Amino acid sequence: ATDLPVQTPKYAELYNVVDSFDTHANIPAHFANVD
Protein backbone atom coordinates (compact mmCIF):
# COMPACT_ATOMS: atom_id res chain seq x y z
CA ALA A 1 0.00 0.00 0.00
CA THR A 2 2.58 2.60 1.05
CA ASP A 3 6.02 1.00 1.49
CA LEU A 4 6.97 -0.69 -1.79
CA PRO A 5 5.87 2.11 -4.16
CA VAL A 6 8.48 4.30 -2.46
CA GLN A 7 11.11 1.83 -1.29
CA THR A 8 11.59 -0.33 -4.37
CA PRO A 9 12.35 2.50 -6.84
CA LYS A 10 14.52 4.25 -4.25
CA TYR A 11 16.71 1.23 -3.56
CA ALA A 12 16.66 -0.15 -7.12
CA GLU A 13 18.95 2.73 -8.01
CA LEU A 14 21.43 1.51 -5.39
CA TYR A 15 21.04 -2.30 -5.36
CA ASN A 16 19.65 -5.28 -7.18
CA VAL A 17 16.22 -5.65 -5.59
CA VAL A 18 13.32 -8.07 -5.14
CA ASP A 19 9.83 -7.17 -3.93
CA SER A 20 6.39 -8.76 -3.56
CA PHE A 21 4.22 -5.85 -4.71
CA ASP A 22 0.71 -7.29 -5.03
CA THR A 23 -1.66 -4.45 -5.91
CA HIS A 24 -2.52 -5.88 -9.35
CA ALA A 25 -4.05 -2.72 -10.80
CA ASN A 26 -0.93 -0.67 -10.01
CA ILE A 27 1.70 -3.12 -11.29
CA PRO A 28 2.29 -1.30 -14.64
CA ALA A 29 3.03 2.01 -12.91
CA HIS A 30 5.19 0.35 -10.25
CA PHE A 31 7.13 -1.51 -12.94
CA ALA A 32 7.81 1.71 -14.84
CA ASN A 33 9.10 3.47 -11.70
CA VAL A 34 11.40 0.61 -10.75
CA ASP A 35 12.59 0.17 -14.33
Full PDB file with SEQRES, HELIX, SHEET, SSBOND, CRYST1, ORIGX, SCALE, CONECT and MASTER records, all heavy atoms in Angstrom:
SEQRES   1 A   35  ALA THR ASP LEU PRO VAL GLN THR PRO LYS TYR ALA GLU          
SEQRES   2 A   35  LEU TYR ASN VAL VAL ASP SER PHE ASP THR HIS ALA ASN          
SEQRES   3 A   35  ILE PRO ALA HIS PHE ALA ASN VAL ASP                          
HELIX    1 AA1 LEU A    4  ALA A   12  1                                   9    
HELIX    2 AA2 HIS A   24  ASN A   26  5                                   3    
HELIX    3 AA3 ILE A   27  VAL A   34  1                                   8    
CRYST1    1.000    1.000    1.000  90.00  90.00  90.00 P 1           1          
ORIGX1      1.000000  0.000000  0.000000        0.00000                         
ORIGX2      0.000000  1.000000  0.000000        0.00000                         
ORIGX3      0.000000  0.000000  1.000000        0.00000                         
SCALE1      1.000000  0.000000  0.000000        0.00000                         
SCALE2      0.000000  1.000000  0.000000        0.00000                         
SCALE3      0.000000  0.000000  1.000000        0.00000                         
ATOM      1  N   ALA A   1       0.815  -1.217   0.000  1.00  0.00           N  
ATOM      2  CA  ALA A   1       0.000   0.000   0.000  1.00  0.00           C  
ATOM      3  C   ALA A   1       0.848   1.266   0.000  1.00  0.00           C  
ATOM      4  O   ALA A   1       0.656   2.153  -0.842  1.00  0.00           O  
ATOM      5  CB  ALA A   1      -0.945  -0.011   1.200  1.00  0.00           C  
ATOM      6  N   THR A   2       1.809   1.352   0.923  1.00  0.00           N  
ATOM      7  CA  THR A   2       2.575   2.598   1.053  1.00  0.00           C  
ATOM      8  C   THR A   2       4.079   2.395   1.035  1.00  0.00           C  
ATOM      9  O   THR A   2       4.820   3.323   0.690  1.00  0.00           O  
ATOM     10  CB  THR A   2       2.191   3.323   2.363  1.00  0.00           C  
ATOM     11  OG1 THR A   2       2.432   2.446   3.480  1.00  0.00           O  
ATOM     12  CG2 THR A   2       0.716   3.716   2.353  1.00  0.00           C  
ATOM     13  N   ASP A   3       4.570   1.210   1.394  1.00  0.00           N  
ATOM     14  CA  ASP A   3       6.021   1.002   1.486  1.00  0.00           C  
ATOM     15  C   ASP A   3       6.675   0.780   0.125  1.00  0.00           C  
ATOM     16  O   ASP A   3       7.577   1.515  -0.277  1.00  0.00           O  
ATOM     17  CB  ASP A   3       6.340  -0.197   2.386  1.00  0.00           C  
ATOM     18  CG  ASP A   3       5.942   0.030   3.832  1.00  0.00           C  
ATOM     19  OD1 ASP A   3       5.961   1.194   4.266  1.00  0.00           O  
ATOM     20  OD2 ASP A   3       5.611  -0.949   4.519  1.00  0.00           O  
ATOM     21  N   LEU A   4       6.268  -0.276  -0.576  1.00  0.00           N  
ATOM     22  CA  LEU A   4       6.966  -0.687  -1.787  1.00  0.00           C  
ATOM     23  C   LEU A   4       6.931   0.353  -2.912  1.00  0.00           C  
ATOM     24  O   LEU A   4       7.930   0.485  -3.637  1.00  0.00           O  
ATOM     25  CB  LEU A   4       6.416  -2.028  -2.281  1.00  0.00           C  
ATOM     26  CG  LEU A   4       6.615  -3.200  -1.309  1.00  0.00           C  
ATOM     27  CD1 LEU A   4       6.039  -4.487  -1.891  1.00  0.00           C  
ATOM     28  CD2 LEU A   4       8.087  -3.386  -0.965  1.00  0.00           C  
ATOM     29  N   PRO A   5       5.833   1.101  -3.098  1.00  0.00           N  
ATOM     30  CA  PRO A   5       5.870   2.110  -4.164  1.00  0.00           C  
ATOM     31  C   PRO A   5       6.970   3.139  -3.977  1.00  0.00           C  
ATOM     32  O   PRO A   5       7.452   3.723  -4.953  1.00  0.00           O  
ATOM     33  CB  PRO A   5       4.476   2.763  -4.075  1.00  0.00           C  
ATOM     34  CG  PRO A   5       3.602   1.707  -3.485  1.00  0.00           C  
ATOM     35  CD  PRO A   5       4.485   0.992  -2.496  1.00  0.00           C  
ATOM     36  N   VAL A   6       7.397   3.358  -2.748  1.00  0.00           N  
ATOM     37  CA  VAL A   6       8.482   4.305  -2.464  1.00  0.00           C  
ATOM     38  C   VAL A   6       9.820   3.585  -2.361  1.00  0.00           C  
ATOM     39  O   VAL A   6      10.827   3.985  -2.958  1.00  0.00           O  
ATOM     40  CB  VAL A   6       8.193   5.078  -1.159  1.00  0.00           C  
ATOM     41  CG1 VAL A   6       9.374   5.977  -0.796  1.00  0.00           C  
ATOM     42  CG2 VAL A   6       6.916   5.889  -1.291  1.00  0.00           C  
ATOM     43  N   GLN A   7       9.845   2.498  -1.597  1.00  0.00           N  
ATOM     44  CA  GLN A   7      11.113   1.834  -1.285  1.00  0.00           C  
ATOM     45  C   GLN A   7      11.758   1.165  -2.498  1.00  0.00           C  
ATOM     46  O   GLN A   7      12.976   1.285  -2.701  1.00  0.00           O  
ATOM     47  CB  GLN A   7      10.887   0.790  -0.189  1.00  0.00           C  
ATOM     48  CG  GLN A   7      10.563   1.374   1.167  1.00  0.00           C  
ATOM     49  CD  GLN A   7      10.252   0.291   2.191  1.00  0.00           C  
ATOM     50  OE1 GLN A   7       9.836  -0.819   1.844  1.00  0.00           O  
ATOM     51  NE2 GLN A   7      10.449   0.602   3.462  1.00  0.00           N  
ATOM     52  N   THR A   8      10.961   0.438  -3.293  1.00  0.00           N  
ATOM     53  CA  THR A   8      11.585  -0.332  -4.370  1.00  0.00           C  
ATOM     54  C   THR A   8      12.259   0.567  -5.410  1.00  0.00           C  
ATOM     55  O   THR A   8      13.417   0.325  -5.771  1.00  0.00           O  
ATOM     56  CB  THR A   8      10.574  -1.287  -5.024  1.00  0.00           C  
ATOM     57  OG1 THR A   8       9.921  -2.051  -4.008  1.00  0.00           O  
ATOM     58  CG2 THR A   8      11.271  -2.244  -5.980  1.00  0.00           C  
ATOM     59  N   PRO A   9      11.612   1.615  -5.921  1.00  0.00           N  
ATOM     60  CA  PRO A   9      12.345   2.496  -6.844  1.00  0.00           C  
ATOM     61  C   PRO A   9      13.557   3.164  -6.191  1.00  0.00           C  
ATOM     62  O   PRO A   9      14.616   3.293  -6.822  1.00  0.00           O  
ATOM     63  CB  PRO A   9      11.297   3.535  -7.249  1.00  0.00           C  
ATOM     64  CG  PRO A   9       9.983   2.895  -6.977  1.00  0.00           C  
ATOM     65  CD  PRO A   9      10.203   2.011  -5.788  1.00  0.00           C  
ATOM     66  N   LYS A  10      13.408   3.565  -4.935  1.00  0.00           N  
ATOM     67  CA  LYS A  10      14.517   4.245  -4.250  1.00  0.00           C  
ATOM     68  C   LYS A  10      15.744   3.350  -4.184  1.00  0.00           C  
ATOM     69  O   LYS A  10      16.862   3.776  -4.534  1.00  0.00           O  
ATOM     70  CB  LYS A  10      14.081   4.647  -2.838  1.00  0.00           C  
ATOM     71  CG  LYS A  10      15.194   5.271  -2.011  1.00  0.00           C  
ATOM     72  CD  LYS A  10      14.687   5.685  -0.639  1.00  0.00           C  
ATOM     73  CE  LYS A  10      15.802   6.303   0.197  1.00  0.00           C  
ATOM     74  NZ  LYS A  10      15.301   6.763   1.531  1.00  0.00           N  
ATOM     75  N   TYR A  11      15.550   2.104  -3.771  1.00  0.00           N  
ATOM     76  CA  TYR A  11      16.708   1.229  -3.565  1.00  0.00           C  
ATOM     77  C   TYR A  11      17.120   0.484  -4.825  1.00  0.00           C  
ATOM     78  O   TYR A  11      18.244  -0.033  -4.885  1.00  0.00           O  
ATOM     79  CB  TYR A  11      16.430   0.276  -2.407  1.00  0.00           C  
ATOM     80  CG  TYR A  11      16.305   1.032  -1.096  1.00  0.00           C  
ATOM     81  CD1 TYR A  11      15.095   1.096  -0.418  1.00  0.00           C  
ATOM     82  CD2 TYR A  11      17.393   1.710  -0.572  1.00  0.00           C  
ATOM     83  CE1 TYR A  11      14.968   1.810   0.762  1.00  0.00           C  
ATOM     84  CE2 TYR A  11      17.282   2.438   0.608  1.00  0.00           C  
ATOM     85  CZ  TYR A  11      16.068   2.488   1.267  1.00  0.00           C  
ATOM     86  OH  TYR A  11      15.952   3.219   2.426  1.00  0.00           O  
ATOM     87  N   ALA A  12      16.263   0.455  -5.847  1.00  0.00           N  
ATOM     88  CA  ALA A  12      16.661  -0.154  -7.121  1.00  0.00           C  
ATOM     89  C   ALA A  12      17.757   0.651  -7.792  1.00  0.00           C  
ATOM     90  O   ALA A  12      18.504   0.121  -8.624  1.00  0.00           O  
ATOM     91  CB  ALA A  12      15.465  -0.273  -8.050  1.00  0.00           C  
ATOM     92  N   GLU A  13      17.865   1.924  -7.459  1.00  0.00           N  
ATOM     93  CA  GLU A  13      18.946   2.733  -8.011  1.00  0.00           C  
ATOM     94  C   GLU A  13      20.281   2.395  -7.356  1.00  0.00           C  
ATOM     95  O   GLU A  13      21.345   2.632  -7.933  1.00  0.00           O  
ATOM     96  CB  GLU A  13      18.630   4.227  -7.823  1.00  0.00           C  
ATOM     97  CG  GLU A  13      19.589   5.144  -8.552  1.00  0.00           C  
ATOM     98  CD  GLU A  13      19.162   6.605  -8.491  1.00  0.00           C  
ATOM     99  OE1 GLU A  13      17.954   6.878  -8.274  1.00  0.00           O  
ATOM    100  OE2 GLU A  13      20.046   7.471  -8.660  1.00  0.00           O  
ATOM    101  N   LEU A  14      20.225   1.793  -6.154  1.00  0.00           N  
ATOM    102  CA  LEU A  14      21.430   1.512  -5.389  1.00  0.00           C  
ATOM    103  C   LEU A  14      21.808   0.032  -5.362  1.00  0.00           C  
ATOM    104  O   LEU A  14      22.975  -0.303  -5.187  1.00  0.00           O  
ATOM    105  CB  LEU A  14      21.242   1.991  -3.944  1.00  0.00           C  
ATOM    106  CG  LEU A  14      20.879   3.466  -3.758  1.00  0.00           C  
ATOM    107  CD1 LEU A  14      20.585   3.755  -2.297  1.00  0.00           C  
ATOM    108  CD2 LEU A  14      22.001   4.355  -4.272  1.00  0.00           C  
ATOM    109  N   TYR A  15      20.821  -0.861  -5.520  1.00  0.00           N  
ATOM    110  CA  TYR A  15      21.043  -2.300  -5.359  1.00  0.00           C  
ATOM    111  C   TYR A  15      20.204  -3.078  -6.370  1.00  0.00           C  
ATOM    112  O   TYR A  15      19.217  -2.563  -6.911  1.00  0.00           O  
ATOM    113  CB  TYR A  15      20.608  -2.761  -3.955  1.00  0.00           C  
ATOM    114  CG  TYR A  15      21.326  -2.097  -2.810  1.00  0.00           C  
ATOM    115  CD1 TYR A  15      20.813  -0.937  -2.222  1.00  0.00           C  
ATOM    116  CD2 TYR A  15      22.510  -2.621  -2.308  1.00  0.00           C  
ATOM    117  CE1 TYR A  15      21.462  -0.325  -1.165  1.00  0.00           C  
ATOM    118  CE2 TYR A  15      23.171  -2.013  -1.248  1.00  0.00           C  
ATOM    119  CZ  TYR A  15      22.642  -0.862  -0.675  1.00  0.00           C  
ATOM    120  OH  TYR A  15      23.291  -0.252   0.364  1.00  0.00           O  
ATOM    121  N   ASN A  16      20.569  -4.331  -6.567  1.00  0.00           N  
ATOM    122  CA  ASN A  16      19.648  -5.279  -7.185  1.00  0.00           C  
ATOM    123  C   ASN A  16      18.563  -5.586  -6.149  1.00  0.00           C  
ATOM    124  O   ASN A  16      18.870  -5.834  -4.979  1.00  0.00           O  
ATOM    125  CB  ASN A  16      20.367  -6.571  -7.561  1.00  0.00           C  
ATOM    126  CG  ASN A  16      21.478  -6.333  -8.564  1.00  0.00           C  
ATOM    127  OD1 ASN A  16      21.310  -5.617  -9.544  1.00  0.00           O  
ATOM    128  ND2 ASN A  16      22.647  -6.939  -8.311  1.00  0.00           N  
ATOM    129  N   VAL A  17      17.295  -5.559  -6.566  1.00  0.00           N  
ATOM    130  CA  VAL A  17      16.217  -5.655  -5.585  1.00  0.00           C  
ATOM    131  C   VAL A  17      15.179  -6.689  -5.999  1.00  0.00           C  
ATOM    132  O   VAL A  17      15.012  -7.021  -7.179  1.00  0.00           O  
ATOM    133  CB  VAL A  17      15.520  -4.296  -5.366  1.00  0.00           C  
ATOM    134  CG1 VAL A  17      16.485  -3.272  -4.802  1.00  0.00           C  
ATOM    135  CG2 VAL A  17      14.875  -3.791  -6.651  1.00  0.00           C  
ATOM    136  N   VAL A  18      14.458  -7.168  -4.967  1.00  0.00           N  
ATOM    137  CA  VAL A  18      13.324  -8.075  -5.138  1.00  0.00           C  
ATOM    138  C   VAL A  18      12.198  -7.561  -4.262  1.00  0.00           C  
ATOM    139  O   VAL A  18      12.429  -7.216  -3.091  1.00  0.00           O  
ATOM    140  CB  VAL A  18      13.688  -9.513  -4.709  1.00  0.00           C  
ATOM    141  CG1 VAL A  18      12.488 -10.444  -4.870  1.00  0.00           C  
ATOM    142  CG2 VAL A  18      14.879 -10.036  -5.489  1.00  0.00           C  
ATOM    143  N   ASP A  19      10.971  -7.503  -4.796  1.00  0.00           N  
ATOM    144  CA  ASP A  19       9.833  -7.170  -3.934  1.00  0.00           C  
ATOM    145  C   ASP A  19       8.636  -8.058  -4.251  1.00  0.00           C  
ATOM    146  O   ASP A  19       8.645  -8.834  -5.212  1.00  0.00           O  
ATOM    147  CB  ASP A  19       9.489  -5.673  -3.976  1.00  0.00           C  
ATOM    148  CG  ASP A  19       8.598  -5.227  -5.136  1.00  0.00           C  
ATOM    149  OD1 ASP A  19       8.019  -6.072  -5.853  1.00  0.00           O  
ATOM    150  OD2 ASP A  19       8.454  -4.002  -5.340  1.00  0.00           O  
ATOM    151  N   SER A  20       7.601  -7.944  -3.404  1.00  0.00           N  
ATOM    152  CA  SER A  20       6.395  -8.757  -3.556  1.00  0.00           C  
ATOM    153  C   SER A  20       5.164  -7.883  -3.762  1.00  0.00           C  
ATOM    154  O   SER A  20       4.077  -8.198  -3.269  1.00  0.00           O  
ATOM    155  CB  SER A  20       6.210  -9.657  -2.322  1.00  0.00           C  
ATOM    156  OG  SER A  20       6.105  -8.870  -1.137  1.00  0.00           O  
ATOM    157  N   PHE A  21       5.319  -6.784  -4.473  1.00  0.00           N  
ATOM    158  CA  PHE A  21       4.221  -5.846  -4.714  1.00  0.00           C  
ATOM    159  C   PHE A  21       3.010  -6.583  -5.281  1.00  0.00           C  
ATOM    160  O   PHE A  21       3.112  -7.266  -6.306  1.00  0.00           O  
ATOM    161  CB  PHE A  21       4.679  -4.760  -5.687  1.00  0.00           C  
ATOM    162  CG  PHE A  21       3.671  -3.674  -5.924  1.00  0.00           C  
ATOM    163  CD1 PHE A  21       3.501  -2.659  -4.991  1.00  0.00           C  
ATOM    164  CD2 PHE A  21       2.895  -3.652  -7.072  1.00  0.00           C  
ATOM    165  CE1 PHE A  21       2.573  -1.648  -5.210  1.00  0.00           C  
ATOM    166  CE2 PHE A  21       1.976  -2.655  -7.292  1.00  0.00           C  
ATOM    167  CZ  PHE A  21       1.807  -1.643  -6.366  1.00  0.00           C  
ATOM    168  N   ASP A  22       1.846  -6.463  -4.629  1.00  0.00           N  
ATOM    169  CA  ASP A  22       0.709  -7.289  -5.033  1.00  0.00           C  
ATOM    170  C   ASP A  22      -0.583  -6.515  -5.302  1.00  0.00           C  
ATOM    171  O   ASP A  22      -1.668  -7.113  -5.338  1.00  0.00           O  
ATOM    172  CB  ASP A  22       0.448  -8.386  -4.007  1.00  0.00           C  
ATOM    173  CG  ASP A  22       0.003  -7.852  -2.642  1.00  0.00           C  
ATOM    174  OD1 ASP A  22      -0.068  -6.614  -2.471  1.00  0.00           O  
ATOM    175  OD2 ASP A  22      -0.260  -8.680  -1.750  1.00  0.00           O  
ATOM    176  N   THR A  23      -0.475  -5.207  -5.502  1.00  0.00           N  
ATOM    177  CA  THR A  23      -1.662  -4.452  -5.908  1.00  0.00           C  
ATOM    178  C   THR A  23      -1.758  -4.542  -7.427  1.00  0.00           C  
ATOM    179  O   THR A  23      -1.128  -3.772  -8.156  1.00  0.00           O  
ATOM    180  CB  THR A  23      -1.568  -2.984  -5.444  1.00  0.00           C  
ATOM    181  OG1 THR A  23      -1.315  -2.953  -4.045  1.00  0.00           O  
ATOM    182  CG2 THR A  23      -2.874  -2.247  -5.749  1.00  0.00           C  
ATOM    183  N   HIS A  24      -2.530  -5.516  -7.927  1.00  0.00           N  
ATOM    184  CA  HIS A  24      -2.517  -5.879  -9.345  1.00  0.00           C  
ATOM    185  C   HIS A  24      -2.747  -4.673 -10.263  1.00  0.00           C  
ATOM    186  O   HIS A  24      -2.068  -4.522 -11.282  1.00  0.00           O  
ATOM    187  CB  HIS A  24      -3.568  -6.957  -9.616  1.00  0.00           C  
ATOM    188  CG  HIS A  24      -3.213  -8.293  -9.046  1.00  0.00           C  
ATOM    189  ND1 HIS A  24      -2.646  -9.303  -9.787  1.00  0.00           N  
ATOM    190  CD2 HIS A  24      -3.345  -8.786  -7.786  1.00  0.00           C  
ATOM    191  CE1 HIS A  24      -2.443 -10.359  -9.030  1.00  0.00           C  
ATOM    192  NE2 HIS A  24      -2.864 -10.073  -7.798  1.00  0.00           N  
ATOM    193  N   ALA A  25      -3.700  -3.824  -9.913  1.00  0.00           N  
ATOM    194  CA  ALA A  25      -4.053  -2.716 -10.798  1.00  0.00           C  
ATOM    195  C   ALA A  25      -2.913  -1.714 -10.958  1.00  0.00           C  
ATOM    196  O   ALA A  25      -2.834  -1.011 -11.967  1.00  0.00           O  
ATOM    197  CB  ALA A  25      -5.295  -1.997 -10.271  1.00  0.00           C  
ATOM    198  N   ASN A  26      -2.008  -1.662  -9.987  1.00  0.00           N  
ATOM    199  CA  ASN A  26      -0.929  -0.670 -10.012  1.00  0.00           C  
ATOM    200  C   ASN A  26       0.420  -1.237 -10.459  1.00  0.00           C  
ATOM    201  O   ASN A  26       1.434  -0.541 -10.434  1.00  0.00           O  
ATOM    202  CB  ASN A  26      -0.770  -0.037  -8.626  1.00  0.00           C  
ATOM    203  CG  ASN A  26      -1.996   0.762  -8.210  1.00  0.00           C  
ATOM    204  OD1 ASN A  26      -2.765   1.211  -9.061  1.00  0.00           O  
ATOM    205  ND2 ASN A  26      -2.188   0.917  -6.916  1.00  0.00           N  
ATOM    206  N   ILE A  27       0.438  -2.502 -10.877  1.00  0.00           N  
ATOM    207  CA  ILE A  27       1.696  -3.120 -11.290  1.00  0.00           C  
ATOM    208  C   ILE A  27       2.349  -2.391 -12.469  1.00  0.00           C  
ATOM    209  O   ILE A  27       3.565  -2.152 -12.446  1.00  0.00           O  
ATOM    210  CB  ILE A  27       1.490  -4.617 -11.587  1.00  0.00           C  
ATOM    211  CG1 ILE A  27       1.354  -5.394 -10.273  1.00  0.00           C  
ATOM    212  CG2 ILE A  27       2.647  -5.184 -12.415  1.00  0.00           C  
ATOM    213  CD1 ILE A  27       1.055  -6.871 -10.444  1.00  0.00           C  
ATOM    214  N   PRO A  28       1.619  -1.994 -13.532  1.00  0.00           N  
ATOM    215  CA  PRO A  28       2.294  -1.302 -14.640  1.00  0.00           C  
ATOM    216  C   PRO A  28       3.023  -0.031 -14.208  1.00  0.00           C  
ATOM    217  O   PRO A  28       4.164   0.214 -14.627  1.00  0.00           O  
ATOM    218  CB  PRO A  28       1.153  -1.005 -15.613  1.00  0.00           C  
ATOM    219  CG  PRO A  28       0.150  -2.097 -15.350  1.00  0.00           C  
ATOM    220  CD  PRO A  28       0.205  -2.305 -13.865  1.00  0.00           C  
ATOM    221  N   ALA A  29       2.390   0.767 -13.361  1.00  0.00           N  
ATOM    222  CA  ALA A  29       3.033   2.008 -12.906  1.00  0.00           C  
ATOM    223  C   ALA A  29       4.225   1.704 -12.014  1.00  0.00           C  
ATOM    224  O   ALA A  29       5.282   2.356 -12.117  1.00  0.00           O  
ATOM    225  CB  ALA A  29       2.020   2.878 -12.164  1.00  0.00           C  
ATOM    226  N   HIS A  30       4.087   0.727 -11.137  1.00  0.00           N  
ATOM    227  CA  HIS A  30       5.193   0.347 -10.248  1.00  0.00           C  
ATOM    228  C   HIS A  30       6.369  -0.175 -11.071  1.00  0.00           C  
ATOM    229  O   HIS A  30       7.532   0.178 -10.809  1.00  0.00           O  
ATOM    230  CB  HIS A  30       4.709  -0.706  -9.256  1.00  0.00           C  
ATOM    231  CG  HIS A  30       5.719  -1.097  -8.224  1.00  0.00           C  
ATOM    232  ND1 HIS A  30       6.309  -0.193  -7.359  1.00  0.00           N  
ATOM    233  CD2 HIS A  30       6.258  -2.313  -7.905  1.00  0.00           C  
ATOM    234  CE1 HIS A  30       7.155  -0.824  -6.565  1.00  0.00           C  
ATOM    235  NE2 HIS A  30       7.156  -2.111  -6.882  1.00  0.00           N  
ATOM    236  N   PHE A  31       6.080  -0.980 -12.064  1.00  0.00           N  
ATOM    237  CA  PHE A  31       7.133  -1.512 -12.936  1.00  0.00           C  
ATOM    238  C   PHE A  31       7.894  -0.367 -13.609  1.00  0.00           C  
ATOM    239  O   PHE A  31       9.129  -0.369 -13.646  1.00  0.00           O  
ATOM    240  CB  PHE A  31       6.526  -2.427 -13.999  1.00  0.00           C  
ATOM    241  CG  PHE A  31       7.538  -3.029 -14.935  1.00  0.00           C  
ATOM    242  CD1 PHE A  31       8.111  -4.260 -14.661  1.00  0.00           C  
ATOM    243  CD2 PHE A  31       7.936  -2.364 -16.092  1.00  0.00           C  
ATOM    244  CE1 PHE A  31       9.065  -4.819 -15.523  1.00  0.00           C  
ATOM    245  CE2 PHE A  31       8.883  -2.902 -16.947  1.00  0.00           C  
ATOM    246  CZ  PHE A  31       9.442  -4.136 -16.661  1.00  0.00           C  
ATOM    247  N   ALA A  32       7.168   0.603 -14.140  1.00  0.00           N  
ATOM    248  CA  ALA A  32       7.814   1.714 -14.836  1.00  0.00           C  
ATOM    249  C   ALA A  32       8.730   2.499 -13.900  1.00  0.00           C  
ATOM    250  O   ALA A  32       9.848   2.894 -14.281  1.00  0.00           O  
ATOM    251  CB  ALA A  32       6.759   2.630 -15.442  1.00  0.00           C  
ATOM    252  N   ASN A  33       8.289   2.722 -12.666  1.00  0.00           N  
ATOM    253  CA  ASN A  33       9.102   3.473 -11.704  1.00  0.00           C  
ATOM    254  C   ASN A  33      10.379   2.714 -11.335  1.00  0.00           C  
ATOM    255  O   ASN A  33      11.469   3.294 -11.262  1.00  0.00           O  
ATOM    256  CB  ASN A  33       8.285   3.758 -10.444  1.00  0.00           C  
ATOM    257  CG  ASN A  33       7.151   4.736 -10.697  1.00  0.00           C  
ATOM    258  OD1 ASN A  33       7.209   5.538 -11.623  1.00  0.00           O  
ATOM    259  ND2 ASN A  33       6.117   4.667  -9.877  1.00  0.00           N  
ATOM    260  N   VAL A  34      10.235   1.418 -11.106  1.00  0.00           N  
ATOM    261  CA  VAL A  34      11.403   0.607 -10.746  1.00  0.00           C  
ATOM    262  C   VAL A  34      12.347   0.469 -11.939  1.00  0.00           C  
ATOM    263  O   VAL A  34      13.575   0.510 -11.792  1.00  0.00           O  
ATOM    264  CB  VAL A  34      10.959  -0.771 -10.226  1.00  0.00           C  
ATOM    265  CG1 VAL A  34      12.167  -1.672  -9.950  1.00  0.00           C  
ATOM    266  CG2 VAL A  34      10.118  -0.620  -8.959  1.00  0.00           C  
ATOM    267  N   ASP A  35      11.782   0.320 -13.124  1.00  0.00           N  
ATOM    268  CA  ASP A  35      12.592   0.171 -14.331  1.00  0.00           C  
ATOM    269  C   ASP A  35      13.491   1.392 -14.540  1.00  0.00           C  
ATOM    270  O   ASP A  35      14.696   1.259 -14.803  1.00  0.00           O  
ATOM    271  CB  ASP A  35      11.678  -0.034 -15.531  1.00  0.00           C  
ATOM    272  CG  ASP A  35      12.439  -0.382 -16.795  1.00  0.00           C  
ATOM    273  OD1 ASP A  35      13.250  -1.329 -16.752  1.00  0.00           O  
ATOM    274  OD2 ASP A  35      12.219   0.283 -17.830  1.00  0.00           O  
TER     275      ASP A  35                                                      
MASTER        0    0    0    3    0    0    0    6  274    1    0    3          
END                                                                             
